[in-house]
Amino acid sequence: MTLIASSLFWLAPASARQPGTGLYGTVTKSPTSPVCVAGHPCGAVAAGVRVEALRGSTVVVHTTTGRRGGYRLRLSPGRYVIRVLGAFRGGRRAAIVRAGGWTRLDFRLDTGIR
């Protein structure tokens, strides 16, 4: 599997109510039909997609998105590659992050429908 894109993010705490360190967010996919119509969503949540955190080439933690496309990864402070796996053509599928609190990181995936 190849990484499509990488970005460096410095993460700040998102909430004092959640102890620990990690990432959370939503994975969406689009388009979901060949023709987008005004007033109708052309995208959807990506339920059941695997999200992984790697250090080097080792997966240290992973999860699967829920029915609303949400995920949460508890991470120790440090640098990680976060990747989303699935049969998608494009969109951001990977990011390099430095975890240091709870921070939101969303992914938008291209289904390739044209």
N, C-alpha and C. Protein backbone atom coordinates (compact mmCIF):
# COMPACT_ATOMS: atom_id res chain seq x y z
N MET A 1 0.83 -1.17 0.00
CA MET A 1 0.00 0.00 0.00
C MET A 1 0.88 1.24 0.00
N THR A 2 0.52 2.21 -0.78
CA THR A 2 1.32 3.41 -0.87
C THR A 2 0.60 4.55 -0.18
N LEU A 3 1.36 5.49 0.29
CA LEU A 3 0.80 6.70 0.89
C LEU A 3 0.56 7.70 -0.21
N ILE A 4 -0.64 8.23 -0.29
CA ILE A 4 -1.00 9.16 -1.35
C ILE A 4 -0.45 10.55 -1.07
N ALA A 5 -0.60 11.03 0.15
CA ALA A 5 -0.14 12.38 0.46
C ALA A 5 0.31 12.40 1.91
N SER A 6 1.24 13.26 2.21
CA SER A 6 1.69 13.42 3.58
C SER A 6 1.68 14.89 3.94
N SER A 7 1.27 15.17 5.15
CA SER A 7 1.28 16.53 5.67
C SER A 7 1.78 16.47 7.10
N LEU A 8 2.46 17.51 7.55
CA LEU A 8 2.94 17.55 8.92
C LEU A 8 2.00 18.42 9.73
N PHE A 9 1.48 17.86 10.81
CA PHE A 9 0.56 18.58 11.68
C PHE A 9 1.15 18.61 13.08
N TRP A 10 1.16 19.76 13.72
CA TRP A 10 1.49 19.86 15.13
C TRP A 10 0.16 19.93 15.85
N LEU A 11 -0.08 18.96 16.72
CA LEU A 11 -1.40 18.81 17.32
C LEU A 11 -1.45 19.46 18.69
N ALA A 12 -2.49 20.21 18.92
CA ALA A 12 -2.73 20.84 20.22
C ALA A 12 -3.93 20.17 20.86
N PRO A 13 -4.04 20.21 22.19
CA PRO A 13 -5.17 19.57 22.85
C PRO A 13 -6.50 20.13 22.35
N ALA A 14 -7.45 19.24 22.09
CA ALA A 14 -8.77 19.64 21.62
C ALA A 14 -9.73 19.82 22.78
N SER A 15 -9.51 19.11 23.87
CA SER A 15 -10.45 19.18 24.97
C SER A 15 -9.75 18.79 26.25
N ALA A 16 -9.96 19.56 27.29
CA ALA A 16 -9.39 19.24 28.59
C ALA A 16 -10.15 18.10 29.26
N ARG A 17 -11.33 17.77 28.76
CA ARG A 17 -12.14 16.72 29.37
C ARG A 17 -11.65 15.33 29.02
N GLN A 18 -10.89 15.16 27.96
CA GLN A 18 -10.42 13.85 27.53
C GLN A 18 -8.97 13.68 27.94
N PRO A 19 -8.70 12.89 28.99
CA PRO A 19 -7.31 12.70 29.38
C PRO A 19 -6.57 11.86 28.34
N GLY A 20 -5.28 12.04 28.26
CA GLY A 20 -4.46 11.26 27.33
C GLY A 20 -4.16 12.01 26.06
N THR A 21 -3.74 11.25 25.07
CA THR A 21 -3.30 11.80 23.79
C THR A 21 -3.88 10.95 22.68
N GLY A 22 -4.27 11.60 21.58
CA GLY A 22 -4.73 10.83 20.45
C GLY A 22 -5.37 11.67 19.37
N LEU A 23 -5.96 10.98 18.43
CA LEU A 23 -6.63 11.60 17.29
C LEU A 23 -8.06 11.10 17.21
N TYR A 24 -8.91 11.95 16.67
CA TYR A 24 -10.28 11.54 16.38
C TYR A 24 -10.72 12.32 15.16
N GLY A 25 -11.74 11.84 14.48
CA GLY A 25 -12.21 12.56 13.31
C GLY A 25 -13.23 11.74 12.55
N THR A 26 -13.50 12.19 11.34
CA THR A 26 -14.47 11.55 10.47
C THR A 26 -13.83 11.28 9.12
N VAL A 27 -14.17 10.13 8.54
CA VAL A 27 -13.72 9.78 7.20
C VAL A 27 -14.95 9.85 6.30
N THR A 28 -14.85 10.64 5.23
CA THR A 28 -15.94 10.76 4.27
C THR A 28 -15.47 10.34 2.89
N LYS A 29 -16.43 10.02 2.03
CA LYS A 29 -16.12 9.62 0.65
C LYS A 29 -17.04 10.38 -0.29
N SER A 30 -16.50 10.67 -1.47
CA SER A 30 -17.31 11.35 -2.48
C SER A 30 -16.58 11.26 -3.81
N PRO A 31 -17.26 11.38 -4.91
CA PRO A 31 -18.71 11.43 -5.02
C PRO A 31 -19.32 10.04 -4.82
N THR A 32 -20.61 10.02 -4.49
CA THR A 32 -21.29 8.74 -4.30
C THR A 32 -22.21 8.40 -5.47
N SER A 33 -22.26 9.29 -6.46
CA SER A 33 -23.00 9.01 -7.69
C SER A 33 -22.32 9.74 -8.83
N PRO A 34 -22.54 9.31 -10.07
CA PRO A 34 -21.86 9.94 -11.20
C PRO A 34 -22.30 11.38 -11.45
N VAL A 35 -23.51 11.74 -11.02
CA VAL A 35 -24.01 13.10 -11.23
C VAL A 35 -24.45 13.65 -9.88
N CYS A 36 -23.87 14.79 -9.50
CA CYS A 36 -24.27 15.45 -8.26
C CYS A 36 -25.39 16.42 -8.58
N VAL A 37 -26.43 16.42 -7.75
CA VAL A 37 -27.61 17.26 -7.95
C VAL A 37 -27.70 18.25 -6.80
N ALA A 38 -27.95 19.52 -7.13
CA ALA A 38 -28.09 20.55 -6.10
C ALA A 38 -29.15 20.14 -5.09
N GLY A 39 -28.85 20.32 -3.82
CA GLY A 39 -29.80 20.00 -2.77
C GLY A 39 -29.70 18.57 -2.27
N HIS A 40 -28.90 17.74 -2.93
CA HIS A 40 -28.71 16.35 -2.51
C HIS A 40 -27.23 16.13 -2.24
N PRO A 41 -26.89 15.52 -1.11
CA PRO A 41 -25.47 15.30 -0.82
C PRO A 41 -24.81 14.45 -1.89
N CYS A 42 -23.59 14.83 -2.24
CA CYS A 42 -22.83 14.08 -3.24
C CYS A 42 -21.74 13.24 -2.55
N GLY A 43 -21.71 13.30 -1.23
CA GLY A 43 -20.75 12.53 -0.46
C GLY A 43 -21.46 11.80 0.66
N ALA A 44 -20.71 10.97 1.36
CA ALA A 44 -21.26 10.20 2.47
C ALA A 44 -20.15 9.85 3.44
N VAL A 45 -20.53 9.42 4.62
CA VAL A 45 -19.54 8.95 5.57
C VAL A 45 -18.97 7.62 5.07
N ALA A 46 -17.75 7.34 5.44
CA ALA A 46 -17.10 6.09 5.05
C ALA A 46 -17.07 5.17 6.27
N ALA A 47 -18.13 4.40 6.45
CA ALA A 47 -18.22 3.46 7.57
C ALA A 47 -17.43 2.20 7.26
N GLY A 48 -16.84 1.60 8.30
CA GLY A 48 -16.13 0.34 8.14
C GLY A 48 -14.77 0.43 7.49
N VAL A 49 -14.16 1.62 7.52
CA VAL A 49 -12.84 1.83 6.92
C VAL A 49 -11.78 1.76 8.02
N ARG A 50 -10.67 1.10 7.73
CA ARG A 50 -9.59 0.94 8.72
C ARG A 50 -8.71 2.19 8.75
N VAL A 51 -8.44 2.68 9.97
CA VAL A 51 -7.54 3.81 10.20
C VAL A 51 -6.41 3.30 11.08
N GLU A 52 -5.16 3.52 10.66
CA GLU A 52 -3.99 3.00 11.36
C GLU A 52 -3.04 4.12 11.77
N ALA A 53 -2.33 3.89 12.87
CA ALA A 53 -1.22 4.75 13.28
C ALA A 53 0.04 3.90 13.23
N LEU A 54 1.05 4.40 12.53
CA LEU A 54 2.31 3.67 12.37
C LEU A 54 3.47 4.47 12.94
N ARG A 55 4.42 3.76 13.49
CA ARG A 55 5.73 4.30 13.83
C ARG A 55 6.71 3.51 12.98
N GLY A 56 7.37 4.20 12.07
CA GLY A 56 8.19 3.50 11.09
C GLY A 56 7.25 2.68 10.22
N SER A 57 7.52 1.40 10.09
CA SER A 57 6.65 0.54 9.29
C SER A 57 5.75 -0.34 10.16
N THR A 58 5.73 -0.08 11.48
CA THR A 58 4.96 -0.90 12.41
C THR A 58 3.65 -0.22 12.78
N VAL A 59 2.53 -0.93 12.61
CA VAL A 59 1.23 -0.43 13.03
C VAL A 59 1.17 -0.56 14.55
N VAL A 60 1.01 0.57 15.26
CA VAL A 60 0.97 0.53 16.72
C VAL A 60 -0.45 0.50 17.26
N VAL A 61 -1.40 1.02 16.49
CA VAL A 61 -2.81 0.96 16.88
C VAL A 61 -3.65 1.15 15.63
N HIS A 62 -4.83 0.54 15.62
CA HIS A 62 -5.74 0.71 14.49
C HIS A 62 -7.17 0.64 15.00
N THR A 63 -8.08 1.12 14.18
CA THR A 63 -9.50 1.06 14.47
C THR A 63 -10.26 1.02 13.16
N THR A 64 -11.55 0.82 13.26
CA THR A 64 -12.43 0.85 12.09
C THR A 64 -13.47 1.94 12.32
N THR A 65 -13.74 2.73 11.28
CA THR A 65 -14.72 3.80 11.43
C THR A 65 -16.10 3.22 11.71
N GLY A 66 -16.87 3.96 12.51
CA GLY A 66 -18.21 3.54 12.88
C GLY A 66 -19.22 3.87 11.79
N ARG A 67 -20.48 3.66 12.09
CA ARG A 67 -21.54 3.86 11.07
C ARG A 67 -21.67 5.31 10.65
N ARG A 68 -21.16 6.24 11.44
CA ARG A 68 -21.17 7.66 11.07
C ARG A 68 -19.81 8.13 10.56
N GLY A 69 -18.91 7.17 10.29
CA GLY A 69 -17.60 7.49 9.73
C GLY A 69 -16.58 7.97 10.74
N GLY A 70 -16.92 7.95 12.01
CA GLY A 70 -16.01 8.45 13.04
C GLY A 70 -14.98 7.43 13.48
N TYR A 71 -13.84 7.94 13.94
CA TYR A 71 -12.79 7.08 14.48
C TYR A 71 -12.14 7.79 15.66
N ARG A 72 -11.43 7.02 16.48
CA ARG A 72 -10.67 7.54 17.61
C ARG A 72 -9.49 6.62 17.85
N LEU A 73 -8.29 7.21 17.91
CA LEU A 73 -7.07 6.46 18.17
C LEU A 73 -6.39 7.04 19.40
N ARG A 74 -6.20 6.25 20.44
CA ARG A 74 -5.45 6.69 21.62
C ARG A 74 -3.97 6.46 21.31
N LEU A 75 -3.16 7.52 21.43
CA LEU A 75 -1.74 7.47 21.08
C LEU A 75 -0.89 8.03 22.21
N SER A 76 0.28 7.46 22.40
CA SER A 76 1.27 8.07 23.27
C SER A 76 1.84 9.27 22.54
N PRO A 77 2.33 10.28 23.26
CA PRO A 77 2.94 11.42 22.58
C PRO A 77 4.07 10.94 21.66
N GLY A 78 4.18 11.56 20.50
CA GLY A 78 5.22 11.20 19.54
C GLY A 78 4.77 11.42 18.12
N ARG A 79 5.59 10.98 17.19
CA ARG A 79 5.35 11.18 15.76
C ARG A 79 4.80 9.89 15.14
N TYR A 80 3.76 10.02 14.31
CA TYR A 80 3.10 8.88 13.70
C TYR A 80 2.74 9.19 12.25
N VAL A 81 2.62 8.15 11.45
CA VAL A 81 1.96 8.24 10.16
C VAL A 81 0.57 7.67 10.38
N ILE A 82 -0.44 8.45 10.03
CA ILE A 82 -1.82 8.00 10.13
C ILE A 82 -2.28 7.71 8.71
N ARG A 83 -2.82 6.52 8.48
CA ARG A 83 -3.28 6.22 7.13
C ARG A 83 -4.66 5.57 7.18
N VAL A 84 -5.39 5.80 6.10
CA VAL A 84 -6.73 5.25 5.92
C VAL A 84 -6.64 4.26 4.78
N LEU A 85 -7.13 3.04 5.01
CA LEU A 85 -7.02 1.98 4.01
C LEU A 85 -8.37 1.73 3.36
N GLY A 86 -8.35 1.45 2.08
CA GLY A 86 -9.57 1.13 1.35
C GLY A 86 -9.34 1.28 -0.13
N ALA A 87 -10.33 0.95 -0.90
CA ALA A 87 -10.24 1.01 -2.36
C ALA A 87 -10.70 2.38 -2.84
N PHE A 88 -9.90 3.39 -2.60
CA PHE A 88 -10.23 4.76 -2.98
C PHE A 88 -9.17 5.28 -3.92
N ARG A 89 -9.56 6.16 -4.84
CA ARG A 89 -8.63 6.67 -5.85
C ARG A 89 -7.77 7.82 -5.35
N GLY A 90 -8.29 8.65 -4.52
CA GLY A 90 -7.51 9.83 -4.13
C GLY A 90 -8.05 10.45 -2.86
N GLY A 91 -7.77 11.71 -2.69
CA GLY A 91 -8.09 12.38 -1.44
C GLY A 91 -6.96 12.11 -0.46
N ARG A 92 -7.02 12.79 0.67
CA ARG A 92 -5.95 12.59 1.66
C ARG A 92 -6.17 11.26 2.35
N ARG A 93 -5.23 10.35 2.17
CA ARG A 93 -5.31 9.04 2.80
C ARG A 93 -4.23 8.83 3.83
N ALA A 94 -3.32 9.78 4.00
CA ALA A 94 -2.26 9.63 4.98
C ALA A 94 -1.80 11.00 5.45
N ALA A 95 -1.34 11.06 6.68
CA ALA A 95 -0.81 12.29 7.24
C ALA A 95 0.26 11.94 8.26
N ILE A 96 1.29 12.77 8.36
CA ILE A 96 2.29 12.63 9.41
C ILE A 96 1.88 13.57 10.53
N VAL A 97 1.80 13.04 11.74
CA VAL A 97 1.34 13.85 12.87
C VAL A 97 2.29 13.72 14.04
N ARG A 98 2.29 14.73 14.89
CA ARG A 98 3.00 14.68 16.17
C ARG A 98 1.92 14.83 17.23
N ALA A 99 1.61 13.73 17.90
CA ALA A 99 0.54 13.72 18.89
C ALA A 99 1.02 14.35 20.19
N GLY A 100 0.15 15.17 20.79
CA GLY A 100 0.48 15.81 22.05
C GLY A 100 -0.77 16.22 22.80
N GLY A 101 -1.90 15.70 22.49
CA GLY A 101 -3.19 15.99 23.10
C GLY A 101 -4.25 15.35 22.23
N TRP A 102 -5.50 15.65 22.45
CA TRP A 102 -6.58 15.13 21.59
C TRP A 102 -6.86 16.15 20.49
N THR A 103 -6.75 15.72 19.25
CA THR A 103 -6.95 16.62 18.11
C THR A 103 -7.75 15.93 17.02
N ARG A 104 -8.55 16.74 16.34
CA ARG A 104 -9.37 16.24 15.23
C ARG A 104 -8.57 16.23 13.93
N LEU A 105 -8.66 15.13 13.19
CA LEU A 105 -8.03 15.00 11.89
C LEU A 105 -9.01 14.24 11.00
N ASP A 106 -9.63 14.94 10.04
CA ASP A 106 -10.60 14.35 9.13
C ASP A 106 -9.94 13.94 7.81
N PHE A 107 -10.50 12.93 7.18
CA PHE A 107 -10.02 12.47 5.88
C PHE A 107 -11.17 12.49 4.89
N ARG A 108 -10.91 12.97 3.67
CA ARG A 108 -11.87 12.93 2.57
C ARG A 108 -11.31 12.07 1.47
N LEU A 109 -12.05 11.06 1.06
CA LEU A 109 -11.56 10.08 0.10
C LEU A 109 -12.33 10.18 -1.21
N ASP A 110 -11.64 9.99 -2.32
CA ASP A 110 -12.23 10.04 -3.65
C ASP A 110 -12.63 8.63 -4.06
N THR A 111 -13.90 8.43 -4.37
CA THR A 111 -14.40 7.11 -4.77
C THR A 111 -14.04 6.76 -6.20
N GLY A 112 -13.72 7.75 -7.02
CA GLY A 112 -13.38 7.50 -8.41
C GLY A 112 -14.58 7.46 -9.34
N ILE A 113 -15.78 7.66 -8.79
CA ILE A 113 -17.00 7.66 -9.63
C ILE A 113 -16.97 8.93 -10.47
N ARG A 114 -17.15 8.79 -11.76
CA ARG A 114 -17.19 9.95 -12.66
C ARG A 114 -18.33 9.84 -13.60
